[in-house]
PDB file of N, CA and C in Angstrom:
ATOM      1  N   MET A   1     202.430 124.797 -10.427  1.00  0.00           N
ATOM      2  CA  MET A   1     203.683 124.692 -11.189  1.00  0.00           C
ATOM      3  C   MET A   1     204.442 126.012 -11.118  1.00  0.00           C
ATOM      4  N   ARG A   2     203.707 127.121 -11.215  1.00  0.00           N
ATOM      5  CA  ARG A   2     204.380 128.428 -11.175  1.00  0.00           C
ATOM      6  C   ARG A   2     205.103 128.645  -9.850  1.00  0.00           C
ATOM      7  N   SER A   3     204.439 128.315  -8.770  1.00  0.00           N
ATOM      8  CA  SER A   3     205.064 128.510  -7.459  1.00  0.00           C
ATOM      9  C   SER A   3     206.340 127.669  -7.358  1.00  0.00           C
ATOM     10  N   PHE A   4     206.301 126.440  -7.885  1.00  0.00           N
ATOM     11  CA  PHE A   4     207.473 125.583  -7.843  1.00  0.00           C
ATOM     12  C   PHE A   4     208.609 126.214  -8.644  1.00  0.00           C
ATOM     13  N   LYS A   5     208.275 126.778  -9.825  1.00  0.00           N
ATOM     14  CA  LYS A   5     209.310 127.403 -10.654  1.00  0.00           C
ATOM     15  C   LYS A   5     209.877 128.639  -9.963  1.00  0.00           C
ATOM     16  N   LEU A   6     209.015 129.377  -9.260  1.00  0.00           N
ATOM     17  CA  LEU A   6     209.482 130.573  -8.569  1.00  0.00           C
ATOM     18  C   LEU A   6     210.390 130.202  -7.394  1.00  0.00           C
ATOM     19  N   ARG A   7     210.078 129.093  -6.765  1.00  0.00           N
ATOM     20  CA  ARG A   7     210.876 128.680  -5.610  1.00  0.00           C
ATOM     21  C   ARG A   7     212.168 127.985  -6.024  1.00  0.00           C
ATOM     22  N   ARG A   8     212.304 127.636  -7.277  1.00  0.00           N
ATOM     23  CA  ARG A   8     213.470 126.860  -7.708  1.00  0.00           C
ATOM     24  C   ARG A   8     214.802 127.562  -7.423  1.00  0.00           C
ATOM     25  N   PRO A   9     214.940 128.890  -7.653  1.00  0.00           N
ATOM     26  CA  PRO A   9     216.229 129.536  -7.374  1.00  0.00           C
ATOM     27  C   PRO A   9     216.680 129.361  -5.924  1.00  0.00           C
ATOM     28  N   TYR A  10     215.721 129.290  -4.984  1.00  0.00           N
ATOM     29  CA  TYR A  10     216.068 129.145  -3.569  1.00  0.00           C
ATOM     30  C   TYR A  10     216.007 127.671  -3.139  1.00  0.00           C
ATOM     31  N   ARG A  11     216.360 126.788  -4.033  1.00  0.00           N
ATOM     32  CA  ARG A  11     216.233 125.365  -3.738  1.00  0.00           C
ATOM     33  C   ARG A  11     217.209 124.944  -2.628  1.00  0.00           C
ATOM     34  N   GLY A  12     218.467 125.395  -2.709  1.00  0.00           N
ATOM     35  CA  GLY A  12     219.446 125.016  -1.692  1.00  0.00           C
ATOM     36  C   GLY A  12     219.022 125.481  -0.308  1.00  0.00           C
ATOM     37  N   MET A  13     218.640 126.753  -0.209  1.00  0.00           N
ATOM     38  CA  MET A  13     218.191 127.283   1.072  1.00  0.00           C
ATOM     39  C   MET A  13     216.936 126.543   1.520  1.00  0.00           C
ATOM     40  N   GLY A  14     216.035 126.272   0.591  1.00  0.00           N
ATOM     41  CA  GLY A  14     214.806 125.573   0.932  1.00  0.00           C
ATOM     42  C   GLY A  14     215.096 124.206   1.525  1.00  0.00           C
ATOM     43  N   LEU A  15     216.054 123.499   0.923  1.00  0.00           N
ATOM     44  CA  LEU A  15     216.411 122.175   1.438  1.00  0.00           C
ATOM     45  C   LEU A  15     216.936 122.291   2.868  1.00  0.00           C
ATOM     46  N   LEU A  16     217.814 123.264   3.091  1.00  0.00           N
ATOM     47  CA  LEU A  16     218.369 123.437   4.437  1.00  0.00           C
ATOM     48  C   LEU A  16     217.251 123.789   5.408  1.00  0.00           C
ATOM     49  N   GLU A  17     216.370 124.709   4.992  1.00  0.00           N
ATOM     50  CA  GLU A  17     215.271 125.128   5.868  1.00  0.00           C
ATOM     51  C   GLU A  17     214.347 123.957   6.170  1.00  0.00           C
ATOM     52  N   THR A  18     214.059 123.156   5.126  1.00  0.00           N
ATOM     53  CA  THR A  18     213.164 122.013   5.333  1.00  0.00           C
ATOM     54  C   THR A  18     213.808 121.027   6.305  1.00  0.00           C
ATOM     55  N   GLN A  19     215.115 120.812   6.159  1.00  0.00           N
ATOM     56  CA  GLN A  19     215.812 119.908   7.076  1.00  0.00           C
ATOM     57  C   GLN A  19     215.728 120.438   8.504  1.00  0.00           C
ATOM     58  N   LYS A  20     215.966 121.750   8.669  1.00  0.00           N
ATOM     59  CA  LYS A  20     215.890 122.354  10.001  1.00  0.00           C
ATOM     60  C   LYS A  20     214.486 122.211  10.560  1.00  0.00           C
ATOM     61  N   ARG A  21     213.493 122.492   9.707  1.00  0.00           N
ATOM     62  CA  ARG A  21     212.101 122.416  10.166  1.00  0.00           C
ATOM     63  C   ARG A  21     211.749 120.993  10.576  1.00  0.00           C
ATOM     64  N   LEU A  22     212.214 120.016   9.786  1.00  0.00           N
ATOM     65  CA  LEU A  22     211.938 118.607  10.113  1.00  0.00           C
ATOM     66  C   LEU A  22     212.583 118.250  11.447  1.00  0.00           C
ATOM     67  N   LEU A  23     213.843 118.711  11.631  1.00  0.00           N
ATOM     68  CA  LEU A  23     214.540 118.405  12.876  1.00  0.00           C
ATOM     69  C   LEU A  23     213.816 119.033  14.061  1.00  0.00           C
ATOM     70  N   TYR A  24     213.433 120.327  13.909  1.00  0.00           N
ATOM     71  CA  TYR A  24     212.736 121.017  14.994  1.00  0.00           C
ATOM     72  C   TYR A  24     211.403 120.335  15.297  1.00  0.00           C
ATOM     73  N   SER A  25     210.679 119.974  14.233  1.00  0.00           N
ATOM     74  CA  SER A  25     209.381 119.324  14.430  1.00  0.00           C
ATOM     75  C   SER A  25     209.574 117.985  15.141  1.00  0.00           C
ATOM     76  N   TYR A  26     210.608 117.240  14.734  1.00  0.00           N
ATOM     77  CA  TYR A  26     210.887 115.954  15.376  1.00  0.00           C
ATOM     78  C   TYR A  26     211.215 116.149  16.855  1.00  0.00           C
ATOM     79  N   LEU A  27     212.035 117.179  17.149  1.00  0.00           N
ATOM     80  CA  LEU A  27     212.390 117.453  18.541  1.00  0.00           C
ATOM     81  C   LEU A  27     211.150 117.834  19.341  1.00  0.00           C
ATOM     82  N   LYS A  28     210.302 118.680  18.742  1.00  0.00           N
ATOM     83  CA  LYS A  28     209.084 119.105  19.434  1.00  0.00           C
ATOM     84  C   LYS A  28     208.187 117.912  19.723  1.00  0.00           C
ATOM     85  N   ILE A  29     208.025 117.056  18.720  1.00  0.00           N
ATOM     86  CA  ILE A  29     207.162 115.875  18.890  1.00  0.00           C
ATOM     87  C   ILE A  29     207.732 114.962  19.975  1.00  0.00           C
ATOM     88  N   SER A  30     209.056 114.768  19.940  1.00  0.00           N
ATOM     89  CA  SER A  30     209.682 113.893  20.929  1.00  0.00           C
ATOM     90  C   SER A  30     209.516 114.476  22.337  1.00  0.00           C
ATOM     91  N   LEU A  31     209.687 115.803  22.453  1.00  0.00           N
ATOM     92  CA  LEU A  31     209.520 116.453  23.757  1.00  0.00           C
ATOM     93  C   LEU A  31     208.083 116.294  24.241  1.00  0.00           C
ATOM     94  N   LEU A  32     207.128 116.534  23.334  1.00  0.00           N
ATOM     95  CA  LEU A  32     205.718 116.408  23.704  1.00  0.00           C
ATOM     96  C   LEU A  32     205.409 114.987  24.151  1.00  0.00           C
ATOM     97  N   LEU A  33     205.945 114.018  23.404  1.00  0.00           N
ATOM     98  CA  LEU A  33     205.708 112.609  23.759  1.00  0.00           C
ATOM     99  C   LEU A  33     206.327 112.294  25.115  1.00  0.00           C
ATOM    100  N   ALA A  34     207.532 112.807  25.347  1.00  0.00           N
ATOM    101  CA  ALA A  34     208.199 112.544  26.623  1.00  0.00           C
ATOM    102  C   ALA A  34     207.393 113.152  27.771  1.00  0.00           C
ATOM    103  N   VAL A  35     206.937 114.382  27.593  1.00  0.00           N
ATOM    104  CA  VAL A  35     206.140 115.045  28.635  1.00  0.00           C
ATOM    105  C   VAL A  35     204.853 114.266  28.867  1.00  0.00           C
ATOM    106  N   TYR A  36     204.210 113.859  27.784  1.00  0.00           N
ATOM    107  CA  TYR A  36     202.959 113.105  27.903  1.00  0.00           C
ATOM    108  C   TYR A  36     203.194 111.780  28.632  1.00  0.00           C
ATOM    109  N   ALA A  37     204.299 111.117  28.285  1.00  0.00           N
ATOM    110  CA  ALA A  37     204.614 109.836  28.914  1.00  0.00           C
ATOM    111  C   ALA A  37     204.884 110.040  30.412  1.00  0.00           C
ATOM    112  N   THR A  38     205.654 111.068  30.754  1.00  0.00           N
ATOM    113  CA  THR A  38     205.977 111.312  32.164  1.00  0.00           C
ATOM    114  C   THR A  38     204.719 111.667  32.952  1.00  0.00           C
ATOM    115  N   THR A  39     203.848 112.495  32.350  1.00  0.00           N
ATOM    116  CA  THR A  39     202.631 112.909  33.059  1.00  0.00           C
ATOM    117  C   THR A  39     201.674 111.735  33.211  1.00  0.00           C
ATOM    118  N   SER A  40     201.578 110.887  32.180  1.00  0.00           N
ATOM    119  CA  SER A  40     200.638 109.767  32.228  1.00  0.00           C
ATOM    120  C   SER A  40     201.184 108.638  33.104  1.00  0.00           C
ATOM    121  N   LEU A  41     202.501 108.497  33.197  1.00  0.00           N
ATOM    122  CA  LEU A  41     203.100 107.400  33.979  1.00  0.00           C
ATOM    123  C   LEU A  41     203.870 107.962  35.176  1.00  0.00           C
ATOM    124  N   GLN A  42     203.312 108.980  35.826  1.00  0.00           N
ATOM    125  CA  GLN A  42     204.010 109.565  36.973  1.00  0.00           C
ATOM    126  C   GLN A  42     204.031 108.638  38.191  1.00  0.00           C
ATOM    127  N   PRO A  43     202.902 108.027  38.604  1.00  0.00           N
ATOM    128  CA  PRO A  43     202.927 107.184  39.817  1.00  0.00           C
ATOM    129  C   PRO A  43     203.955 106.047  39.749  1.00  0.00           C
ATOM    130  N   PRO A  44     203.973 105.219  38.685  1.00  0.00           N
ATOM    131  CA  PRO A  44     204.937 104.113  38.653  1.00  0.00           C
ATOM    132  C   PRO A  44     206.260 104.512  38.011  1.00  0.00           C
ATOM    133  N   LYS A  45     206.858 105.645  38.480  1.00  0.00           N
ATOM    134  CA  LYS A  45     208.151 106.055  37.915  1.00  0.00           C
ATOM    135  C   LYS A  45     209.154 106.244  39.059  1.00  0.00           C
ATOM    136  N   PRO A  46     210.129 105.335  39.203  1.00  0.00           N
ATOM    137  CA  PRO A  46     211.086 105.451  40.307  1.00  0.00           C
ATOM    138  C   PRO A  46     212.049 106.626  40.142  1.00  0.00           C
ATOM    139  N   ALA A  47     212.440 106.943  38.901  1.00  0.00           N
ATOM    140  CA  ALA A  47     213.403 108.020  38.663  1.00  0.00           C
ATOM    141  C   ALA A  47     212.820 109.345  39.145  1.00  0.00           C
ATOM    142  N   GLU A  48     211.564 109.635  38.770  1.00  0.00           N
ATOM    143  CA  GLU A  48     210.941 110.894  39.171  1.00  0.00           C
ATOM    144  C   GLU A  48     210.805 110.964  40.697  1.00  0.00           C
ATOM    145  N   ALA A  49     210.426 109.847  41.295  1.00  0.00           N
ATOM    146  CA  ALA A  49     210.259 109.808  42.751  1.00  0.00           C
ATOM    147  C   ALA A  49     211.601 110.083  43.443  1.00  0.00           C
ATOM    148  N   GLN A  50     212.679 109.497  42.910  1.00  0.00           N
ATOM    149  CA  GLN A  50     214.003 109.700  43.502  1.00  0.00           C
ATOM    150  C   GLN A  50     214.390 111.174  43.426  1.00  0.00           C
ATOM    151  N   THR A  51     214.170 111.809  42.270  1.00  0.00           N
ATOM    152  CA  THR A  51     214.541 113.218  42.121  1.00  0.00           C
ATOM    153  C   THR A  51     213.728 114.055  43.101  1.00  0.00           C
ATOM    154  N   ASP A  52     212.423 113.761  43.219  1.00  0.00           N
ATOM    155  CA  ASP A  52     211.579 114.518  44.147  1.00  0.00           C
ATOM    156  C   ASP A  52     212.055 114.308  45.598  1.00  0.00           C
ATOM    157  N   ALA A  53     212.370 113.075  45.949  1.00  0.00           N
ATOM    158  CA  ALA A  53     212.804 112.775  47.317  1.00  0.00           C
ATOM    159  C   ALA A  53     214.129 113.477  47.621  1.00  0.00           C
ATOM    160  N   SER A  54     215.021 113.535  46.627  1.00  0.00           N
ATOM    161  CA  SER A  54     216.325 114.149  46.862  1.00  0.00           C
ATOM    162  C   SER A  54     216.207 115.675  46.870  1.00  0.00           C
ATOM    163  N   ALA A  55     215.236 116.212  46.145  1.00  0.00           N
ATOM    164  CA  ALA A  55     215.088 117.667  46.067  1.00  0.00           C
ATOM    165  C   ALA A  55     214.377 118.213  47.302  1.00  0.00           C
ATOM    166  N   LYS A  56     213.423 117.453  47.844  1.00  0.00           N
ATOM    167  CA  LYS A  56     212.645 117.952  48.987  1.00  0.00           C
ATOM    168  C   LYS A  56     213.502 118.139  50.242  1.00  0.00           C
ATOM    169  N   PRO A  57     214.329 117.167  50.641  1.00  0.00           N
ATOM    170  CA  PRO A  57     215.167 117.371  51.833  1.00  0.00           C
ATOM    171  C   PRO A  57     216.120 118.557  51.668  1.00  0.00           C
ATOM    172  N   ALA A  58     216.672 118.725  50.482  1.00  0.00           N
ATOM    173  CA  ALA A  58     217.600 119.825  50.245  1.00  0.00           C
ATOM    174  C   ALA A  58     216.862 121.150  50.413  1.00  0.00           C
ATOM    175  N   GLY A  59     215.624 121.209  49.935  1.00  0.00           N
ATOM    176  CA  GLY A  59     214.847 122.440  50.060  1.00  0.00           C
ATOM    177  C   GLY A  59     214.509 122.728  51.512  1.00  0.00           C
ATOM    178  N   ARG A  60     214.190 121.673  52.293  1.00  0.00           N
ATOM    179  CA  ARG A  60     213.861 121.858  53.706  1.00  0.00           C
ATOM    180  C   ARG A  60     215.081 122.300  54.498  1.00  0.00           C
ATOM    181  N   ARG A  61     216.242 121.750  54.142  1.00  0.00           N
ATOM    182  CA  ARG A  61     217.468 122.114  54.842  1.00  0.00           C
ATOM    183  C   ARG A  61     217.848 123.539  54.470  1.00  0.00           C
TER     184      ARG A  61
END
């Protein structure tokens, strides 16, 4: 209870910080999930294959 009372004056800032932290955490989780999905489903992914195919000839040229 004491900690809550001590934090009360910074309630507005705390709310903003918590919102930012939630947003950052959500972005991090989404990025991690996307990376995990791409790594786990690399073979059957046409988009990744297309980017690799288009990047390799350009690098060779």
